[in-house]
């Protein structure tokens, strides 16, 4: 895949259009989730899952917008990262993956616990 700055104008337009399609899909999904939340009485777990999904969609949209802005503002003096920088980036990505694994494990524990013991009582 060629660099964005090396693409022809029609190719750039296709890339930007694909990003716009992703943003539109995210926004439509957000609307559907909000409608579900507003039109139905959800359990606390369902409400938590909807809120989590909305936050994830917000982050995805923000990432896409940032990426799109970066593509539009890129200059010709961009250089690929050095081996050290690349290794540091890989380390950061691995730490994020580890956090995601921990979050998924915690979520699974909460789900199983609620299924086994029912709703977790609120303290206070």
C-alpha atoms as a PDB file:
ATOM      1  CA  UNK A   1       0.000   0.000   0.000  1.00  0.00           C
ATOM      2  CA  UNK A   2       1.437   3.354  -0.956  1.00  0.00           C
ATOM      3  CA  UNK A   3       1.744   6.290   1.391  1.00  0.00           C
ATOM      4  CA  UNK A   4      -1.221   8.655   1.389  1.00  0.00           C
ATOM      5  CA  UNK A   5       0.870  11.578   0.151  1.00  0.00           C
ATOM      6  CA  UNK A   6       2.035   9.484  -2.826  1.00  0.00           C
ATOM      7  CA  UNK A   7      -1.504   8.571  -3.897  1.00  0.00           C
ATOM      8  CA  UNK A   8      -3.376  10.204  -6.747  1.00  0.00           C
ATOM      9  CA  UNK A   9      -6.302  12.477  -5.911  1.00  0.00           C
ATOM     10  CA  UNK A  10      -8.935   9.809  -6.726  1.00  0.00           C
ATOM     11  CA  UNK A  11      -7.113   7.295  -4.515  1.00  0.00           C
ATOM     12  CA  UNK A  12      -6.957   9.830  -1.680  1.00  0.00           C
ATOM     13  CA  UNK A  13     -10.669  10.504  -2.096  1.00  0.00           C
ATOM     14  CA  UNK A  14     -11.400   6.760  -1.804  1.00  0.00           C
ATOM     15  CA  UNK A  15      -9.369   6.495   1.406  1.00  0.00           C
ATOM     16  CA  UNK A  16     -11.127   9.525   2.903  1.00  0.00           C
ATOM     17  CA  UNK A  17     -14.501   8.174   1.783  1.00  0.00           C
ATOM     18  CA  UNK A  18     -13.793   4.851   3.505  1.00  0.00           C
ATOM     19  CA  UNK A  19     -13.020   6.740   6.729  1.00  0.00           C
ATOM     20  CA  UNK A  20     -16.238   8.735   6.348  1.00  0.00           C
ATOM     21  CA  UNK A  21     -18.199   5.494   5.887  1.00  0.00           C
ATOM     22  CA  UNK A  22     -16.682   4.148   9.121  1.00  0.00           C
ATOM     23  CA  UNK A  23     -17.610   7.350  10.951  1.00  0.00           C
ATOM     24  CA  UNK A  24     -21.164   7.173   9.614  1.00  0.00           C
ATOM     25  CA  UNK A  25     -21.497   3.556  10.750  1.00  0.00           C
ATOM     26  CA  UNK A  26     -20.256   4.501  14.212  1.00  0.00           C
ATOM     27  CA  UNK A  27     -22.716   7.371  14.464  1.00  0.00           C
ATOM     28  CA  UNK A  28     -25.616   5.185  13.308  1.00  0.00           C
ATOM     29  CA  UNK A  29     -24.666   2.538  15.866  1.00  0.00           C
ATOM     30  CA  UNK A  30     -24.577   5.195  18.595  1.00  0.00           C
ATOM     31  CA  UNK A  31     -28.075   6.352  17.616  1.00  0.00           C
ATOM     32  CA  UNK A  32     -29.402   2.769  17.741  1.00  0.00           C
ATOM     33  CA  UNK A  33     -27.866   2.184  21.174  1.00  0.00           C
ATOM     34  CA  UNK A  34     -29.260   5.450  22.544  1.00  0.00           C
ATOM     35  CA  UNK A  35     -32.717   4.624  21.120  1.00  0.00           C
ATOM     36  CA  UNK A  36     -32.595   1.205  22.774  1.00  0.00           C
ATOM     37  CA  UNK A  37     -31.599   2.783  26.065  1.00  0.00           C
ATOM     38  CA  UNK A  38     -34.355   5.406  25.844  1.00  0.00           C
ATOM     39  CA  UNK A  39     -37.143   3.129  24.596  1.00  0.00           C
ATOM     40  CA  UNK A  40     -36.638   0.092  26.839  1.00  0.00           C
ATOM     41  CA  UNK A  41     -36.020  -0.546  30.491  1.00  0.00           C
ATOM     42  CA  UNK A  42     -32.611  -2.160  30.664  1.00  0.00           C
ATOM     43  CA  UNK A  43     -31.066  -4.151  33.465  1.00  0.00           C
ATOM     44  CA  UNK A  44     -28.096  -2.540  35.140  1.00  0.00           C
ATOM     45  CA  UNK A  45     -25.773  -4.894  33.272  1.00  0.00           C
ATOM     46  CA  UNK A  46     -27.353  -4.104  29.890  1.00  0.00           C
ATOM     47  CA  UNK A  47     -27.179  -0.406  30.665  1.00  0.00           C
ATOM     48  CA  UNK A  48     -23.513  -0.786  31.624  1.00  0.00           C
ATOM     49  CA  UNK A  49     -22.810  -2.660  28.386  1.00  0.00           C
ATOM     50  CA  UNK A  50     -24.563   0.048  26.336  1.00  0.00           C
ATOM     51  CA  UNK A  51     -22.616   2.783  28.126  1.00  0.00           C
ATOM     52  CA  UNK A  52     -19.351   0.898  27.572  1.00  0.00           C
ATOM     53  CA  UNK A  53     -20.170   0.439  23.887  1.00  0.00           C
ATOM     54  CA  UNK A  54     -20.966   4.149  23.551  1.00  0.00           C
ATOM     55  CA  UNK A  55     -17.635   5.063  25.122  1.00  0.00           C
ATOM     56  CA  UNK A  56     -15.800   2.665  22.817  1.00  0.00           C
ATOM     57  CA  UNK A  57     -17.596   4.091  19.791  1.00  0.00           C
ATOM     58  CA  UNK A  58     -16.662   7.621  20.908  1.00  0.00           C
ATOM     59  CA  UNK A  59     -13.019   6.583  21.109  1.00  0.00           C
ATOM     60  CA  UNK A  60     -13.140   4.864  17.728  1.00  0.00           C
ATOM     61  CA  UNK A  61     -14.690   7.955  16.141  1.00  0.00           C
ATOM     62  CA  UNK A  62     -12.090  10.175  17.763  1.00  0.00           C
ATOM     63  CA  UNK A  63      -9.294   7.912  16.493  1.00  0.00           C
ATOM     64  CA  UNK A  64     -10.699   7.959  12.950  1.00  0.00           C
ATOM     65  CA  UNK A  65     -11.048  11.746  12.964  1.00  0.00           C
ATOM     66  CA  UNK A  66      -7.480  12.119  14.269  1.00  0.00           C
ATOM     67  CA  UNK A  67      -6.209   9.699  11.635  1.00  0.00           C
ATOM     68  CA  UNK A  68      -8.092  11.520   8.901  1.00  0.00           C
ATOM     69  CA  UNK A  69      -6.697  14.872  10.081  1.00  0.00           C
ATOM     70  CA  UNK A  70      -3.204  13.402  10.163  1.00  0.00           C
ATOM     71  CA  UNK A  71      -3.589  12.132   6.599  1.00  0.00           C
ATOM     72  CA  UNK A  72      -4.781  15.514   5.393  1.00  0.00           C
ATOM     73  CA  UNK A  73      -1.962  17.389   7.098  1.00  0.00           C
ATOM     74  CA  UNK A  74       0.895  15.017   6.290  1.00  0.00           C
ATOM     75  CA  UNK A  75       3.964  16.512   4.723  1.00  0.00           C
ATOM     76  CA  UNK A  76       6.580  15.041   2.424  1.00  0.00           C
ATOM     77  CA  UNK A  77       9.312  15.022   5.052  1.00  0.00           C
ATOM     78  CA  UNK A  78       7.834  12.119   6.997  1.00  0.00           C
ATOM     79  CA  UNK A  79      10.337   9.388   7.671  1.00  0.00           C
ATOM     80  CA  UNK A  80       9.702   5.847   8.858  1.00  0.00           C
ATOM     81  CA  UNK A  81      10.460   5.348  12.565  1.00  0.00           C
ATOM     82  CA  UNK A  82      13.910   4.232  13.616  1.00  0.00           C
ATOM     83  CA  UNK A  83      14.363   0.696  14.945  1.00  0.00           C
ATOM     84  CA  UNK A  84      14.425   2.013  18.531  1.00  0.00           C
ATOM     85  CA  UNK A  85      11.260   4.076  18.042  1.00  0.00           C
ATOM     86  CA  UNK A  86       9.543   1.115  16.418  1.00  0.00           C
ATOM     87  CA  UNK A  87      10.508  -1.135  19.322  1.00  0.00           C
ATOM     88  CA  UNK A  88       9.204   1.461  21.815  1.00  0.00           C
ATOM     89  CA  UNK A  89       5.904   1.626  19.884  1.00  0.00           C
ATOM     90  CA  UNK A  90       5.636  -2.160  19.923  1.00  0.00           C
ATOM     91  CA  UNK A  91       6.190  -2.092  23.686  1.00  0.00           C
ATOM     92  CA  UNK A  92       3.386   0.452  24.143  1.00  0.00           C
ATOM     93  CA  UNK A  93       1.053  -1.583  21.924  1.00  0.00           C
ATOM     94  CA  UNK A  94       1.848  -4.720  23.953  1.00  0.00           C
ATOM     95  CA  UNK A  95       1.067  -2.875  27.207  1.00  0.00           C
ATOM     96  CA  UNK A  96      -2.284  -1.794  25.729  1.00  0.00           C
ATOM     97  CA  UNK A  97      -2.994  -5.395  24.698  1.00  0.00           C
ATOM     98  CA  UNK A  98      -2.177  -6.560  28.240  1.00  0.00           C
ATOM     99  CA  UNK A  99      -4.603  -3.980  29.653  1.00  0.00           C
ATOM    100  CA  UNK A 100      -7.296  -5.152  27.207  1.00  0.00           C
ATOM    101  CA  UNK A 101      -6.772  -8.765  28.278  1.00  0.00           C
ATOM    102  CA  UNK A 102      -7.069  -7.747  31.939  1.00  0.00           C
ATOM    103  CA  UNK A 103     -10.240  -5.741  31.198  1.00  0.00           C
ATOM    104  CA  UNK A 104     -11.782  -8.634  29.266  1.00  0.00           C
ATOM    105  CA  UNK A 105     -10.932 -11.018  32.114  1.00  0.00           C
ATOM    106  CA  UNK A 106     -12.504  -8.668  34.668  1.00  0.00           C
ATOM    107  CA  UNK A 107     -15.599  -8.274  32.501  1.00  0.00           C
ATOM    108  CA  UNK A 108     -15.928 -12.052  32.169  1.00  0.00           C
ATOM    109  CA  UNK A 109     -15.576 -12.495  35.943  1.00  0.00           C
ATOM    110  CA  UNK A 110     -18.295  -9.887  36.566  1.00  0.00           C
ATOM    111  CA  UNK A 111     -20.590 -11.520  33.998  1.00  0.00           C
ATOM    112  CA  UNK A 112     -20.127 -14.999  35.461  1.00  0.00           C
ATOM    113  CA  UNK A 113     -20.510 -13.695  39.017  1.00  0.00           C
ATOM    114  CA  UNK A 114     -23.776 -11.946  38.158  1.00  0.00           C
ATOM    115  CA  UNK A 115     -25.078 -15.065  36.445  1.00  0.00           C
ATOM    116  CA  UNK A 116     -24.176 -17.227  39.446  1.00  0.00           C
ATOM    117  CA  UNK A 117     -25.214 -14.949  42.343  1.00  0.00           C
ATOM    118  CA  UNK A 118     -27.627 -12.601  40.627  1.00  0.00           C
ATOM    119  CA  UNK A 119     -27.369  -8.828  40.844  1.00  0.00           C
ATOM    120  CA  UNK A 120     -24.460  -7.601  42.883  1.00  0.00           C
ATOM    121  CA  UNK A 121     -25.924  -5.706  45.851  1.00  0.00           C
ATOM    122  CA  UNK A 122     -24.989  -2.054  46.153  1.00  0.00           C
ATOM    123  CA  UNK A 123     -23.228  -1.084  49.343  1.00  0.00           C
ATOM    124  CA  UNK A 124     -24.424   2.032  51.102  1.00  0.00           C
END
